[in-house]
Amino acid sequence: TSLPEEEKVILMYSMAGVGALGWGLSPHVRCASLLVVPKMVGKEGRLFVLGYLLAAIYEGPVSNLRHNLAEAARSLGCTVELQVNNSREAWRVSTAPLRAVIRDLLVSGLNAESRNVTLAFHELDEQVTSEEGYEATAEEARALRGRAGPGTPIPDTQKMYELKTRLRCAREWGSQGPGVGGPGASNVSGGPGF
């Protein structure tokens, strides 16, 4: 860590003051400081200079390289995340028309199926609600309307269909003559036996 500029100035003045006092008052300080120059030329001096150079290299270019590698890694992470987001968005945009077509096909298919079911039951519904093929007597009309007795519920569609079919069959059998297939005849011919 580097010192703030004010502390560096204070430290420099302090060292200069100590050195000046030492040089002025002590022969030992003068002797030691003069012997530093030949020591720097020897083995220990070269190691000191080499250590100082390595510290300066680590503080300068190596620190810069470390910072640049961290920034490059962060940049690669951002680039990958951006590509993932762009790919997701491109996929969503490119498949939107296909999803709309499939949704329309499903809706139209369901509508077509419901129309087919409605048409299939339309003929049956017409037969159930039709009055064609017989003339109901007053008693039969009351039975059809569900008013055969007090509190009798209105019959559901299936019961109305069965009753109308019985009445039609009874009219048809009655018009063929006795013994051919009337209501009391046995069901040998495979006709409806109610």
C-alpha atoms as a PDB file:
ATOM      1  CA  THR A   1       0.000   0.000   0.000  1.00  0.00           C
ATOM      2  CA  SER A   2       1.275   3.440  -0.784  1.00  0.00           C
ATOM      3  CA  LEU A   3       1.409   6.242   1.748  1.00  0.00           C
ATOM      4  CA  PRO A   4      -0.523   9.449   1.263  1.00  0.00           C
ATOM      5  CA  GLU A   5       1.481  12.347  -0.159  1.00  0.00           C
ATOM      6  CA  GLU A   6       1.559  14.320   3.119  1.00  0.00           C
ATOM      7  CA  GLU A   7       3.001  11.373   5.064  1.00  0.00           C
ATOM      8  CA  LYS A   8       5.662  10.855   2.386  1.00  0.00           C
ATOM      9  CA  VAL A   9       6.792  14.480   2.743  1.00  0.00           C
ATOM     10  CA  ILE A  10       6.904  14.207   6.560  1.00  0.00           C
ATOM     11  CA  LEU A  11       8.857  10.928   6.343  1.00  0.00           C
ATOM     12  CA  MET A  12      11.361  12.445   3.869  1.00  0.00           C
ATOM     13  CA  TYR A  13      12.011  15.472   6.090  1.00  0.00           C
ATOM     14  CA  SER A  14      12.370  13.241   9.150  1.00  0.00           C
ATOM     15  CA  MET A  15      14.942  11.007   7.439  1.00  0.00           C
ATOM     16  CA  ALA A  16      16.847  14.020   6.112  1.00  0.00           C
ATOM     17  CA  GLY A  17      16.899  15.519   9.633  1.00  0.00           C
ATOM     18  CA  VAL A  18      18.099  12.276  11.243  1.00  0.00           C
ATOM     19  CA  GLY A  19      20.774  11.910   8.549  1.00  0.00           C
ATOM     20  CA  ALA A  20      21.967  15.492   8.995  1.00  0.00           C
ATOM     21  CA  LEU A  21      22.136  15.111  12.780  1.00  0.00           C
ATOM     22  CA  GLY A  22      23.959  11.798  12.423  1.00  0.00           C
ATOM     23  CA  TRP A  23      26.470  13.155   9.943  1.00  0.00           C
ATOM     24  CA  GLY A  24      27.047  16.242  12.015  1.00  0.00           C
ATOM     25  CA  LEU A  25      27.297  14.669  15.475  1.00  0.00           C
ATOM     26  CA  SER A  26      28.391  11.026  15.125  1.00  0.00           C
ATOM     27  CA  PRO A  27      31.475   9.605  13.399  1.00  0.00           C
ATOM     28  CA  HIS A  28      29.846   6.138  13.449  1.00  0.00           C
ATOM     29  CA  VAL A  29      26.937   7.335  11.245  1.00  0.00           C
ATOM     30  CA  ARG A  30      29.392   8.934   8.835  1.00  0.00           C
ATOM     31  CA  CYS A  31      31.454   5.751   8.647  1.00  0.00           C
ATOM     32  CA  ALA A  32      28.414   3.465   8.187  1.00  0.00           C
ATOM     33  CA  SER A  33      26.915   5.624   5.461  1.00  0.00           C
ATOM     34  CA  LEU A  34      30.238   5.744   3.588  1.00  0.00           C
ATOM     35  CA  LEU A  35      30.572   1.942   3.771  1.00  0.00           C
ATOM     36  CA  VAL A  36      27.144   1.499   2.163  1.00  0.00           C
ATOM     37  CA  VAL A  37      28.582   2.340  -1.288  1.00  0.00           C
ATOM     38  CA  PRO A  38      31.129  -0.561  -1.415  1.00  0.00           C
ATOM     39  CA  LYS A  39      28.533  -2.914   0.122  1.00  0.00           C
ATOM     40  CA  MET A  40      26.140  -2.151  -2.744  1.00  0.00           C
ATOM     41  CA  VAL A  41      28.763  -3.322  -5.220  1.00  0.00           C
ATOM     42  CA  GLY A  42      29.230  -6.657  -3.392  1.00  0.00           C
ATOM     43  CA  LYS A  43      27.017  -9.752  -3.105  1.00  0.00           C
ATOM     44  CA  GLU A  44      24.647  -8.309  -0.506  1.00  0.00           C
ATOM     45  CA  GLY A  45      24.246  -5.113  -2.494  1.00  0.00           C
ATOM     46  CA  ARG A  46      23.296  -6.984  -5.633  1.00  0.00           C
ATOM     47  CA  LEU A  47      20.671  -8.973  -3.664  1.00  0.00           C
ATOM     48  CA  PHE A  48      19.292  -5.734  -2.226  1.00  0.00           C
ATOM     49  CA  VAL A  49      19.091  -4.097  -5.666  1.00  0.00           C
ATOM     50  CA  LEU A  50      17.526  -7.276  -7.135  1.00  0.00           C
ATOM     51  CA  GLY A  51      14.900  -7.347  -4.359  1.00  0.00           C
ATOM     52  CA  TYR A  52      14.158  -3.693  -4.906  1.00  0.00           C
ATOM     53  CA  LEU A  53      13.765  -4.281  -8.672  1.00  0.00           C
ATOM     54  CA  LEU A  54      11.446  -7.270  -8.107  1.00  0.00           C
ATOM     55  CA  ALA A  55       9.297  -5.227  -5.723  1.00  0.00           C
ATOM     56  CA  ALA A  56       9.092  -2.405  -8.263  1.00  0.00           C
ATOM     57  CA  ILE A  57       8.196  -4.865 -11.065  1.00  0.00           C
ATOM     58  CA  TYR A  58       5.520  -6.491  -8.918  1.00  0.00           C
ATOM     59  CA  GLU A  59       4.095  -3.128  -7.971  1.00  0.00           C
ATOM     60  CA  GLY A  60       4.013  -1.851 -11.558  1.00  0.00           C
ATOM     61  CA  PRO A  61       3.558  -4.213 -14.558  1.00  0.00           C
ATOM     62  CA  VAL A  62       2.560  -7.351 -12.612  1.00  0.00           C
ATOM     63  CA  SER A  63      -0.106  -5.481 -10.678  1.00  0.00           C
ATOM     64  CA  ASN A  64      -1.366  -4.003 -13.927  1.00  0.00           C
ATOM     65  CA  LEU A  65      -1.397  -7.464 -15.557  1.00  0.00           C
ATOM     66  CA  ARG A  66      -3.346  -8.911 -12.601  1.00  0.00           C
ATOM     67  CA  HIS A  67      -5.881  -6.081 -12.834  1.00  0.00           C
ATOM     68  CA  ASN A  68      -6.206  -6.588 -16.612  1.00  0.00           C
ATOM     69  CA  LEU A  69      -6.771 -10.348 -16.199  1.00  0.00           C
ATOM     70  CA  ALA A  70      -9.535  -9.710 -13.642  1.00  0.00           C
ATOM     71  CA  GLU A  71     -11.197  -7.239 -16.007  1.00  0.00           C
ATOM     72  CA  ALA A  72     -10.893  -9.689 -18.931  1.00  0.00           C
ATOM     73  CA  ALA A  73     -12.568 -12.440 -16.868  1.00  0.00           C
ATOM     74  CA  ARG A  74     -15.369 -10.080 -15.853  1.00  0.00           C
ATOM     75  CA  SER A  75     -15.783  -8.993 -19.479  1.00  0.00           C
ATOM     76  CA  LEU A  76     -15.995 -12.615 -20.663  1.00  0.00           C
ATOM     77  CA  GLY A  77     -18.651 -13.346 -18.039  1.00  0.00           C
ATOM     78  CA  CYS A  78     -20.699 -10.347 -19.187  1.00  0.00           C
ATOM     79  CA  THR A  79     -20.295 -11.375 -22.839  1.00  0.00           C
ATOM     80  CA  VAL A  80     -21.507 -14.923 -22.159  1.00  0.00           C
ATOM     81  CA  GLU A  81     -24.493 -13.639 -20.168  1.00  0.00           C
ATOM     82  CA  LEU A  82     -25.338 -11.202 -22.957  1.00  0.00           C
ATOM     83  CA  GLN A  83     -25.150 -13.986 -25.551  1.00  0.00           C
ATOM     84  CA  VAL A  84     -27.438 -16.206 -23.479  1.00  0.00           C
ATOM     85  CA  ASN A  85     -29.977 -13.385 -23.099  1.00  0.00           C
ATOM     86  CA  ASN A  86     -29.800 -12.512 -26.809  1.00  0.00           C
ATOM     87  CA  SER A  87     -30.175 -16.178 -27.816  1.00  0.00           C
ATOM     88  CA  ARG A  88     -33.202 -16.552 -25.543  1.00  0.00           C
ATOM     89  CA  GLU A  89     -34.792 -13.409 -26.990  1.00  0.00           C
ATOM     90  CA  ALA A  90     -34.003 -14.456 -30.585  1.00  0.00           C
ATOM     91  CA  TRP A  91     -35.551 -17.893 -29.946  1.00  0.00           C
ATOM     92  CA  ARG A  92     -38.672 -16.309 -28.445  1.00  0.00           C
ATOM     93  CA  VAL A  93     -39.042 -13.885 -31.365  1.00  0.00           C
ATOM     94  CA  SER A  94     -38.365 -16.536 -34.020  1.00  0.00           C
ATOM     95  CA  THR A  95     -40.853 -19.035 -32.566  1.00  0.00           C
ATOM     96  CA  ALA A  96     -43.616 -16.488 -31.868  1.00  0.00           C
ATOM     97  CA  PRO A  97     -45.263 -16.908 -35.324  1.00  0.00           C
ATOM     98  CA  LEU A  98     -45.118 -20.692 -35.010  1.00  0.00           C
ATOM     99  CA  ARG A  99     -46.673 -20.572 -31.547  1.00  0.00           C
ATOM    100  CA  ALA A 100     -49.427 -18.278 -32.858  1.00  0.00           C
ATOM    101  CA  VAL A 101     -50.155 -20.681 -35.738  1.00  0.00           C
ATOM    102  CA  ILE A 102     -50.260 -23.678 -33.403  1.00  0.00           C
ATOM    103  CA  ARG A 103     -52.553 -21.797 -31.013  1.00  0.00           C
ATOM    104  CA  ASP A 104     -54.877 -20.878 -33.907  1.00  0.00           C
ATOM    105  CA  LEU A 105     -54.859 -24.494 -35.126  1.00  0.00           C
ATOM    106  CA  LEU A 106     -55.768 -25.745 -31.676  1.00  0.00           C
ATOM    107  CA  VAL A 107     -58.575 -23.209 -31.306  1.00  0.00           C
ATOM    108  CA  SER A 108     -59.937 -23.894 -34.800  1.00  0.00           C
ATOM    109  CA  GLY A 109     -59.593 -27.651 -34.235  1.00  0.00           C
ATOM    110  CA  LEU A 110     -61.569 -27.424 -30.992  1.00  0.00           C
ATOM    111  CA  ASN A 111     -64.203 -25.270 -32.685  1.00  0.00           C
ATOM    112  CA  ALA A 112     -64.472 -27.780 -35.552  1.00  0.00           C
ATOM    113  CA  GLU A 113     -64.798 -30.690 -33.113  1.00  0.00           C
ATOM    114  CA  SER A 114     -67.516 -28.907 -31.144  1.00  0.00           C
ATOM    115  CA  ARG A 115     -69.366 -28.162 -34.400  1.00  0.00           C
ATOM    116  CA  ASN A 116     -69.078 -31.847 -35.389  1.00  0.00           C
ATOM    117  CA  VAL A 117     -70.483 -32.950 -32.028  1.00  0.00           C
ATOM    118  CA  THR A 118     -73.299 -30.410 -32.297  1.00  0.00           C
ATOM    119  CA  LEU A 119     -74.142 -31.595 -35.816  1.00  0.00           C
ATOM    120  CA  ALA A 120     -74.003 -35.257 -34.761  1.00  0.00           C
ATOM    121  CA  PHE A 121     -76.508 -34.674 -31.974  1.00  0.00           C
ATOM    122  CA  HIS A 122     -78.645 -32.245 -33.953  1.00  0.00           C
ATOM    123  CA  GLU A 123     -80.423 -35.061 -35.783  1.00  0.00           C
ATOM    124  CA  LEU A 124     -81.059 -36.924 -32.537  1.00  0.00           C
ATOM    125  CA  ASP A 125     -82.315 -33.722 -30.919  1.00  0.00           C
ATOM    126  CA  GLU A 126     -84.719 -33.160 -33.807  1.00  0.00           C
ATOM    127  CA  GLN A 127     -86.100 -36.679 -33.388  1.00  0.00           C
ATOM    128  CA  VAL A 128     -86.582 -36.190 -29.663  1.00  0.00           C
ATOM    129  CA  THR A 129     -88.334 -32.856 -29.998  1.00  0.00           C
ATOM    130  CA  SER A 130     -90.367 -33.732 -33.088  1.00  0.00           C
ATOM    131  CA  GLU A 131     -94.075 -34.465 -32.895  1.00  0.00           C
ATOM    132  CA  GLU A 132     -94.025 -36.288 -36.208  1.00  0.00           C
ATOM    133  CA  GLY A 133     -95.223 -39.893 -36.521  1.00  0.00           C
ATOM    134  CA  TYR A 134     -97.950 -40.025 -33.919  1.00  0.00           C
ATOM    135  CA  GLU A 135    -100.803 -38.080 -32.550  1.00  0.00           C
ATOM    136  CA  ALA A 136    -100.717 -38.058 -28.827  1.00  0.00           C
ATOM    137  CA  THR A 137    -103.918 -38.430 -26.909  1.00  0.00           C
ATOM    138  CA  ALA A 138    -104.576 -36.105 -23.995  1.00  0.00           C
ATOM    139  CA  GLU A 139    -103.219 -38.706 -21.580  1.00  0.00           C
ATOM    140  CA  GLU A 140    -100.055 -39.248 -23.636  1.00  0.00           C
ATOM    141  CA  ALA A 141     -99.536 -35.477 -23.940  1.00  0.00           C
ATOM    142  CA  ARG A 142     -99.738 -35.161 -20.163  1.00  0.00           C
ATOM    143  CA  ALA A 143     -97.225 -37.999 -19.806  1.00  0.00           C
ATOM    144  CA  LEU A 144     -94.880 -36.271 -22.276  1.00  0.00           C
ATOM    145  CA  ARG A 145     -95.096 -32.994 -20.431  1.00  0.00           C
ATOM    146  CA  GLY A 146     -94.458 -34.795 -17.147  1.00  0.00           C
ATOM    147  CA  ARG A 147     -97.838 -33.961 -15.726  1.00  0.00           C
ATOM    148  CA  ALA A 148     -99.138 -37.499 -15.400  1.00  0.00           C
ATOM    149  CA  GLY A 149     -99.739 -36.929 -11.735  1.00  0.00           C
ATOM    150  CA  PRO A 150     -99.284 -34.255  -9.119  1.00  0.00           C
ATOM    151  CA  GLY A 151     -95.619 -33.717  -8.206  1.00  0.00           C
ATOM    152  CA  THR A 152     -94.282 -35.799 -11.078  1.00  0.00           C
ATOM    153  CA  PRO A 153     -91.051 -34.248 -12.395  1.00  0.00           C
ATOM    154  CA  ILE A 154     -90.566 -33.381 -16.052  1.00  0.00           C
ATOM    155  CA  PRO A 155     -88.786 -36.358 -17.671  1.00  0.00           C
ATOM    156  CA  ASP A 156     -85.261 -35.899 -18.962  1.00  0.00           C
ATOM    157  CA  THR A 157     -84.407 -36.047 -22.666  1.00  0.00           C
ATOM    158  CA  GLN A 158     -83.630 -39.785 -22.621  1.00  0.00           C
ATOM    159  CA  LYS A 159     -86.983 -40.669 -21.054  1.00  0.00           C
ATOM    160  CA  MET A 160     -88.844 -38.390 -23.467  1.00  0.00           C
ATOM    161  CA  TYR A 161     -87.062 -40.094 -26.391  1.00  0.00           C
ATOM    162  CA  GLU A 162     -87.963 -43.571 -25.073  1.00  0.00           C
ATOM    163  CA  LEU A 163     -91.599 -42.562 -24.536  1.00  0.00           C
ATOM    164  CA  LYS A 164     -91.919 -41.036 -28.003  1.00  0.00           C
ATOM    165  CA  THR A 165     -90.323 -44.103 -29.569  1.00  0.00           C
ATOM    166  CA  ARG A 166     -92.759 -46.387 -27.749  1.00  0.00           C
ATOM    167  CA  LEU A 167     -95.678 -44.239 -28.853  1.00  0.00           C
ATOM    168  CA  ARG A 168     -94.471 -44.250 -32.480  1.00  0.00           C
ATOM    169  CA  CYS A 169     -93.944 -47.982 -32.424  1.00  0.00           C
ATOM    170  CA  ALA A 170     -97.364 -48.519 -30.845  1.00  0.00           C
ATOM    171  CA  ARG A 171     -98.943 -46.406 -33.646  1.00  0.00           C
ATOM    172  CA  GLU A 172     -97.023 -48.279 -36.352  1.00  0.00           C
ATOM    173  CA  TRP A 173     -97.882 -51.701 -34.920  1.00  0.00           C
ATOM    174  CA  GLY A 174    -101.453 -50.654 -34.459  1.00  0.00           C
ATOM    175  CA  SER A 175    -101.732 -49.690 -38.150  1.00  0.00           C
ATOM    176  CA  GLN A 176    -100.387 -53.078 -39.361  1.00  0.00           C
ATOM    177  CA  GLY A 177    -103.301 -54.935 -37.941  1.00  0.00           C
ATOM    178  CA  PRO A 178    -103.814 -57.356 -35.055  1.00  0.00           C
ATOM    179  CA  GLY A 179    -101.279 -60.108 -34.464  1.00  0.00           C
ATOM    180  CA  VAL A 180     -98.572 -58.587 -36.631  1.00  0.00           C
ATOM    181  CA  GLY A 181     -96.620 -56.809 -33.929  1.00  0.00           C
ATOM    182  CA  GLY A 182     -98.879 -54.958 -31.570  1.00  0.00           C
ATOM    183  CA  PRO A 183     -98.032 -53.977 -28.054  1.00  0.00           C
ATOM    184  CA  GLY A 184     -99.059 -57.347 -26.704  1.00  0.00           C
ATOM    185  CA  ALA A 185     -97.250 -59.429 -29.335  1.00  0.00           C
ATOM    186  CA  SER A 186     -94.012 -61.255 -28.566  1.00  0.00           C
ATOM    187  CA  ASN A 187     -90.774 -59.806 -29.852  1.00  0.00           C
ATOM    188  CA  VAL A 188     -89.900 -62.510 -32.412  1.00  0.00           C
ATOM    189  CA  SER A 189     -89.049 -60.222 -35.330  1.00  0.00           C
ATOM    190  CA  GLY A 190     -86.288 -58.410 -33.410  1.00  0.00           C
ATOM    191  CA  GLY A 191     -88.239 -55.138 -33.112  1.00  0.00           C
ATOM    192  CA  PRO A 192     -88.157 -53.090 -29.968  1.00  0.00           C
ATOM    193  CA  GLY A 193     -89.668 -54.939 -27.068  1.00  0.00           C
ATOM    194  CA  PHE A 194     -90.500 -52.438 -24.401  1.00  0.00           C
END
